[in-house]
């Protein structure tokens, strides 16, 4: 899991790499309190296997999780773009293998601007 806290004055632009497992796990846990706009690109960089993802948001860091993006499949080489204009406290990108025992590699690029 990659957990990123925003301690930069104006915004952030970063990326993380990972590999899925059979159960949902954090691809990214972004503590984004004070970020007005956020954009996330999730790319399936694997050469053979699809993956599934969903995006959860929280208004309070340890509060209620809201499913911003329901479970969605991402084929090999495909890119999902997620844009959020609300000032959430936390955004979680959850990823898992589409089929048990077939892990997929991915990249998550994300950027946000302070209010």
Protein backbone atom coordinates (compact mmCIF):
# COMPACT_ATOMS: atom_id res chain seq x y z
CA UNK A 1 0.00 0.00 0.00
CA UNK A 2 1.15 3.51 -0.74
CA UNK A 3 -0.12 6.20 1.61
CA UNK A 4 0.58 9.77 0.58
CA UNK A 5 -0.02 12.78 2.80
CA UNK A 6 -0.10 16.25 1.32
CA UNK A 7 2.35 18.51 3.03
CA UNK A 8 3.18 20.64 0.02
CA UNK A 9 2.05 24.28 -0.18
CA UNK A 10 0.40 24.35 -3.61
CA UNK A 11 -0.26 20.82 -4.78
CA UNK A 12 1.19 17.47 -5.65
CA UNK A 13 1.97 15.37 -8.72
CA UNK A 14 3.31 11.85 -8.14
CA UNK A 15 3.03 8.22 -9.24
CA UNK A 16 3.11 4.72 -7.72
CA UNK A 17 3.68 1.28 -9.23
CA UNK A 18 2.26 -2.01 -8.00
CA UNK A 19 0.99 -5.52 -8.65
CA UNK A 20 -2.50 -6.78 -7.84
CA UNK A 21 -3.40 -9.71 -5.59
CA UNK A 22 -6.54 -11.85 -5.39
CA UNK A 23 -8.28 -9.59 -2.84
CA UNK A 24 -8.79 -5.82 -2.94
CA UNK A 25 -5.84 -3.86 -1.54
CA UNK A 26 -4.77 -0.22 -1.61
CA UNK A 27 -3.11 0.80 -4.84
CA UNK A 28 -3.09 4.30 -3.40
CA UNK A 29 -4.31 5.84 -0.14
CA UNK A 30 -4.10 9.59 -0.66
CA UNK A 31 -4.62 11.89 2.33
CA UNK A 32 -5.74 14.90 0.32
CA UNK A 33 -7.30 17.23 2.88
CA UNK A 34 -7.39 20.73 1.43
CA UNK A 35 -7.07 19.61 -2.19
CA UNK A 36 -9.80 21.21 -4.30
CA UNK A 37 -9.29 19.27 -7.50
CA UNK A 38 -7.78 15.83 -7.98
CA UNK A 39 -7.03 13.74 -11.05
CA UNK A 40 -5.95 10.11 -11.03
CA UNK A 41 -4.80 7.99 -13.98
CA UNK A 42 -4.74 4.23 -13.43
CA UNK A 43 -3.02 2.21 -16.17
CA UNK A 44 -2.93 -1.55 -16.46
CA UNK A 45 0.73 -2.02 -17.45
CA UNK A 46 0.58 -5.82 -17.46
CA UNK A 47 1.25 -7.72 -20.70
CA UNK A 48 -1.36 -10.46 -20.16
CA UNK A 49 -3.81 -9.94 -17.26
CA UNK A 50 -6.74 -7.62 -16.62
CA UNK A 51 -7.40 -6.00 -13.24
CA UNK A 52 -10.37 -4.64 -11.31
CA UNK A 53 -10.49 -1.38 -9.39
CA UNK A 54 -12.79 0.83 -7.38
CA UNK A 55 -12.35 4.26 -5.80
CA UNK A 56 -13.45 5.10 -2.26
CA UNK A 57 -13.64 8.63 -0.85
CA UNK A 58 -13.89 9.92 2.70
CA UNK A 59 -14.99 13.35 3.93
CA UNK A 60 -13.14 12.72 7.20
CA UNK A 61 -9.82 10.80 7.24
CA UNK A 62 -11.10 7.83 9.28
CA UNK A 63 -14.78 8.38 8.52
CA UNK A 64 -17.40 6.83 6.27
CA UNK A 65 -16.18 5.36 2.98
CA UNK A 66 -18.22 6.31 -0.08
CA UNK A 67 -17.84 4.30 -3.28
CA UNK A 68 -17.01 7.07 -5.77
CA UNK A 69 -16.29 4.60 -8.61
CA UNK A 70 -17.88 1.14 -8.47
CA UNK A 71 -15.91 -1.98 -9.36
CA UNK A 72 -14.67 -1.67 -12.93
CA UNK A 73 -12.49 -3.92 -15.08
CA UNK A 74 -9.39 -2.54 -16.78
CA UNK A 75 -7.98 -4.50 -19.73
CA UNK A 76 -4.29 -4.82 -20.58
CA UNK A 77 -2.92 -1.43 -21.67
CA UNK A 78 -6.10 0.49 -20.79
CA UNK A 79 -6.15 3.70 -18.75
CA UNK A 80 -8.88 4.93 -16.40
CA UNK A 81 -9.15 8.66 -15.65
CA UNK A 82 -10.82 9.69 -12.39
CA UNK A 83 -11.52 13.40 -11.81
CA UNK A 84 -12.79 14.70 -8.48
CA UNK A 85 -13.66 18.30 -7.74
CA UNK A 86 -14.77 17.86 -4.14
CA UNK A 87 -12.38 18.54 -1.23
CA UNK A 88 -12.27 15.00 0.19
CA UNK A 89 -10.01 14.21 3.13
CA UNK A 90 -8.93 10.87 1.67
CA UNK A 91 -9.11 9.02 -1.65
CA UNK A 92 -8.44 5.27 -1.84
CA UNK A 93 -7.79 3.49 -5.12
CA UNK A 94 -8.43 -0.21 -4.51
CA UNK A 95 -7.09 -2.80 -6.96
CA UNK A 96 -7.28 -6.58 -7.37
CA UNK A 97 -6.70 -9.28 -9.97
CA UNK A 98 -9.60 -9.96 -12.33
CA UNK A 99 -9.07 -13.72 -11.94
CA UNK A 100 -7.58 -15.44 -8.91
CA UNK A 101 -3.94 -16.32 -9.38
CA UNK A 102 -3.40 -13.89 -12.28
CA UNK A 103 -1.72 -10.76 -10.87
CA UNK A 104 -1.52 -7.63 -13.01
CA UNK A 105 0.98 -4.77 -12.85
CA UNK A 106 -0.29 -1.20 -12.75
CA UNK A 107 0.76 2.44 -12.51
CA UNK A 108 -1.18 5.17 -10.73
CA UNK A 109 -0.38 8.80 -11.58
CA UNK A 110 -2.11 11.46 -9.51
CA UNK A 111 -2.18 15.21 -9.17
CA UNK A 112 -4.06 17.75 -7.08
CA UNK A 113 -4.20 21.46 -6.32
CA UNK A 114 -4.73 23.10 -2.97
CA UNK A 115 -7.87 25.17 -2.38
